[in-house]
Amino acid sequence: MFEALLIVLMQFVIVPLTTLRTVFVVKGRIQQASMIGGLEALIYVISLSLIFSDLTNYMNMIAYAVGYAGGVILGGKLEEKLAIGYRTVNVSLMQRNEQLTDLLRSQGYGVTTFIGEGRDGEKRYRLDILVKRSREKALMELLETEEPKAFIVAYEPTNFKGGYLVKSMKRAGNKMKKDNGTTKDEEKSK
């Protein structure tokens, strides 16, 4: 019984680690993914050795399956909580809404506006918003409150360069370096 409980616990650890490793690989964070992968492999070998040491112990096999299923849930919750990365949110409006654009910008969202044409030739207005995934829910709630009839599409960009958000991230990074006592010149000399 102790082995079965240990196997469940190991699966509760390994499967969320697998989720994180996958996210890190997709986001290009190969070093973090590699470290997680090594830990994953160690846990995997230990848990499987417990199962293969006695193939008549069905409790261990069931424990592995139950732990794996629970680990998938935990991994999904962990990934959702960490919300690593960015989302691009396209908001299509029937009418121009400068108040919404100003409100979004005042709350730190990078917003680009476009004028387009609908099916019957009428003007449509689109907002392109790049947002950290950790702030996506708050953005969606704000959009629902301010423009409940808006057509909204959100997707994950794979790469981006320049723009408001990148500039603000660089400023924040430089401020952190300055607060830590290093300057740009010191960083370059390292």
Protein backbone atom coordinates (compact mmCIF):
# COMPACT_ATOMS: atom_id res chain seq x y z
CA MET A 1 0.00 0.00 0.00
CA PHE A 2 2.90 2.36 0.79
CA GLU A 3 4.34 1.80 -2.70
CA ALA A 4 0.98 2.59 -4.33
CA LEU A 5 0.72 5.87 -2.40
CA LEU A 6 4.31 6.74 -3.31
CA ILE A 7 3.58 6.06 -7.00
CA VAL A 8 0.50 8.32 -6.90
CA LEU A 9 2.53 11.11 -5.30
CA MET A 10 5.34 10.75 -7.84
CA GLN A 11 2.81 11.03 -10.68
CA PHE A 12 1.36 14.13 -9.04
CA VAL A 13 4.86 15.60 -9.34
CA ILE A 14 6.06 14.23 -12.69
CA VAL A 15 3.03 15.05 -14.83
CA PRO A 16 2.92 18.76 -13.85
CA LEU A 17 6.69 18.83 -14.49
CA THR A 18 6.04 17.41 -17.95
CA THR A 19 3.49 20.17 -18.54
CA LEU A 20 5.98 22.83 -17.46
CA ARG A 21 8.76 21.32 -19.56
CA THR A 22 6.52 21.38 -22.62
CA VAL A 23 5.55 25.01 -21.99
CA PHE A 24 9.20 25.98 -21.57
CA VAL A 25 10.20 24.23 -24.81
CA VAL A 26 7.40 25.97 -26.71
CA LYS A 27 8.41 29.34 -25.21
CA GLY A 28 12.06 28.78 -26.15
CA ARG A 29 13.32 28.39 -22.58
CA ILE A 30 15.44 25.36 -23.37
CA GLN A 31 17.71 25.46 -20.30
CA GLN A 32 14.78 25.42 -17.85
CA ALA A 33 13.13 22.67 -19.91
CA SER A 34 16.33 20.62 -19.80
CA MET A 35 16.62 20.86 -16.02
CA ILE A 36 12.99 19.89 -15.54
CA GLY A 37 13.45 17.02 -18.01
CA GLY A 38 16.31 15.58 -15.94
CA LEU A 39 14.22 15.64 -12.76
CA GLU A 40 11.30 14.16 -14.70
CA ALA A 41 13.43 11.26 -15.93
CA LEU A 42 14.65 10.47 -12.43
CA ILE A 43 11.11 10.34 -11.00
CA TYR A 44 9.91 8.34 -14.01
CA VAL A 45 12.58 5.66 -13.58
CA ILE A 46 11.94 5.33 -9.85
CA SER A 47 8.15 5.04 -10.24
CA LEU A 48 8.40 2.52 -13.07
CA SER A 49 10.96 0.44 -11.15
CA LEU A 50 8.41 0.13 -8.34
CA ILE A 51 5.79 -1.10 -10.79
CA PHE A 52 8.05 -3.48 -12.73
CA SER A 53 9.51 -5.01 -9.57
CA ASP A 54 6.20 -6.84 -9.04
CA LEU A 55 3.93 -7.12 -12.08
CA THR A 56 1.36 -9.05 -10.04
CA ASN A 57 0.69 -5.99 -7.86
CA TYR A 58 -2.24 -4.43 -9.72
CA MET A 59 -2.65 -1.82 -7.00
CA ASN A 60 0.63 -0.18 -8.11
CA MET A 61 -0.53 -0.12 -11.73
CA ILE A 62 -3.85 1.44 -10.78
CA ALA A 63 -2.00 3.93 -8.57
CA TYR A 64 0.14 4.92 -11.56
CA ALA A 65 -2.95 5.55 -13.72
CA VAL A 66 -4.79 7.46 -10.96
CA GLY A 67 -1.70 9.53 -10.19
CA TYR A 68 -1.17 10.28 -13.86
CA ALA A 69 -4.78 11.46 -14.29
CA GLY A 70 -4.53 13.63 -11.17
CA GLY A 71 -1.18 14.96 -12.35
CA VAL A 72 -2.73 16.11 -15.62
CA ILE A 73 -5.28 18.15 -13.66
CA LEU A 74 -2.56 19.59 -11.41
CA GLY A 75 -0.35 20.38 -14.41
CA GLY A 76 -3.17 22.20 -16.17
CA LYS A 77 -3.95 24.24 -13.04
CA LEU A 78 -0.26 25.06 -12.55
CA GLU A 79 0.17 26.20 -16.16
CA GLU A 80 -2.97 28.30 -15.88
CA LYS A 81 -1.70 29.88 -12.64
CA LEU A 82 1.76 30.66 -14.02
CA ALA A 83 0.29 32.05 -17.28
CA ILE A 84 3.68 32.26 -18.98
CA GLY A 85 3.79 34.30 -22.18
CA TYR A 86 1.57 36.74 -24.02
CA ARG A 87 -1.75 36.83 -25.86
CA THR A 88 -2.83 38.99 -28.73
CA VAL A 89 -6.44 40.07 -28.41
CA ASN A 90 -8.26 41.44 -31.46
CA VAL A 91 -11.42 43.39 -30.60
CA SER A 92 -13.83 44.27 -33.43
CA LEU A 93 -16.25 47.11 -32.72
CA MET A 94 -19.20 48.51 -34.65
CA GLN A 95 -18.39 52.06 -33.49
CA ARG A 96 -15.23 53.89 -32.55
CA ASN A 97 -14.72 53.91 -28.77
CA GLU A 98 -11.98 56.37 -27.78
CA GLN A 99 -12.95 56.06 -24.11
CA LEU A 100 -12.23 52.34 -24.18
CA THR A 101 -8.91 52.87 -25.96
CA ASP A 102 -7.88 55.54 -23.43
CA LEU A 103 -8.99 53.35 -20.51
CA LEU A 104 -6.99 50.38 -21.82
CA ARG A 105 -3.88 52.50 -22.33
CA SER A 106 -4.22 54.10 -18.89
CA GLN A 107 -4.20 50.58 -17.41
CA GLY A 108 -0.96 49.74 -19.18
CA TYR A 109 -2.22 47.77 -22.18
CA GLY A 110 -0.57 48.39 -25.54
CA VAL A 111 -3.38 49.18 -27.99
CA THR A 112 -3.24 49.73 -31.75
CA THR A 113 -6.40 50.81 -33.55
CA PHE A 114 -7.47 50.11 -37.14
CA ILE A 115 -10.40 51.11 -39.32
CA GLY A 116 -11.75 48.39 -41.56
CA GLU A 117 -14.75 47.57 -43.67
CA GLY A 118 -17.57 45.15 -42.88
CA ARG A 119 -19.45 42.87 -45.26
CA ASP A 120 -21.82 45.57 -46.47
CA GLY A 121 -19.16 48.27 -46.70
CA GLU A 122 -19.79 49.84 -43.28
CA LYS A 123 -16.86 50.91 -41.13
CA ARG A 124 -15.60 48.62 -38.41
CA TYR A 125 -13.05 49.45 -35.75
CA ARG A 126 -10.46 47.02 -34.48
CA LEU A 127 -8.22 47.16 -31.46
CA ASP A 128 -5.12 44.98 -31.34
CA ILE A 129 -3.98 44.45 -27.77
CA LEU A 130 -0.86 42.57 -26.67
CA VAL A 131 -1.25 41.41 -23.08
CA LYS A 132 0.65 39.22 -20.64
CA ARG A 133 -1.32 36.02 -20.12
CA SER A 134 -1.44 36.77 -16.40
CA ARG A 135 -3.52 39.87 -17.20
CA GLU A 136 -5.71 38.36 -19.93
CA LYS A 137 -8.66 37.55 -17.67
CA ALA A 138 -8.77 41.12 -16.31
CA LEU A 139 -8.64 42.46 -19.87
CA MET A 140 -11.50 40.21 -20.99
CA GLU A 141 -13.62 41.29 -18.01
CA LEU A 142 -12.96 44.94 -18.82
CA LEU A 143 -13.88 44.42 -22.48
CA GLU A 144 -17.07 42.57 -21.49
CA THR A 145 -18.06 45.47 -19.23
CA GLU A 146 -17.20 48.27 -21.68
CA GLU A 147 -18.13 46.60 -25.01
CA PRO A 148 -20.38 43.58 -24.37
CA LYS A 149 -21.24 43.22 -28.10
CA ALA A 150 -17.64 43.28 -29.31
CA PHE A 151 -16.30 40.38 -31.37
CA ILE A 152 -13.12 39.22 -29.63
CA VAL A 153 -10.46 36.79 -30.80
CA ALA A 154 -7.46 35.92 -28.66
CA TYR A 155 -4.43 33.94 -29.76
CA GLU A 156 -0.86 33.33 -28.68
CA PRO A 157 1.84 35.05 -30.74
CA THR A 158 4.95 32.97 -31.33
CA ASN A 159 7.29 35.89 -31.82
CA PHE A 160 7.24 39.68 -31.69
CA LYS A 161 9.64 42.59 -31.98
CA GLY A 162 9.37 46.26 -31.05
CA GLY A 163 6.27 48.12 -29.96
CA TYR A 164 5.00 49.64 -26.74
CA LEU A 165 5.12 46.49 -24.63
CA VAL A 166 8.70 45.62 -25.60
CA LYS A 167 9.83 49.19 -24.81
CA SER A 168 8.12 49.13 -21.42
CA MET A 169 9.71 45.74 -20.63
CA LYS A 170 13.15 47.11 -21.53
CA ARG A 171 12.56 50.16 -19.31
CA ALA A 172 11.50 47.90 -16.44
CA GLY A 173 14.58 45.69 -16.98
CA ASN A 174 16.91 48.70 -17.03
CA LYS A 175 15.26 50.05 -13.88
CA MET A 176 15.78 46.70 -12.14
CA LYS A 177 19.45 46.67 -13.15
CA LYS A 178 19.82 50.24 -11.88
CA ASP A 179 18.09 49.32 -8.60
CA ASN A 180 20.46 46.36 -8.24
CA GLY A 181 23.44 48.69 -8.57
CA THR A 182 24.54 47.83 -12.12
CA THR A 183 24.52 50.17 -15.07
CA LYS A 184 24.28 49.44 -18.79
CA ASP A 185 28.04 49.96 -19.14
CA GLU A 186 28.73 47.49 -16.33
CA GLU A 187 26.39 44.96 -17.96
CA LYS A 188 28.17 45.32 -21.32
CA SER A 189 31.58 44.76 -19.72
CA LYS A 190 30.45 41.48 -18.12
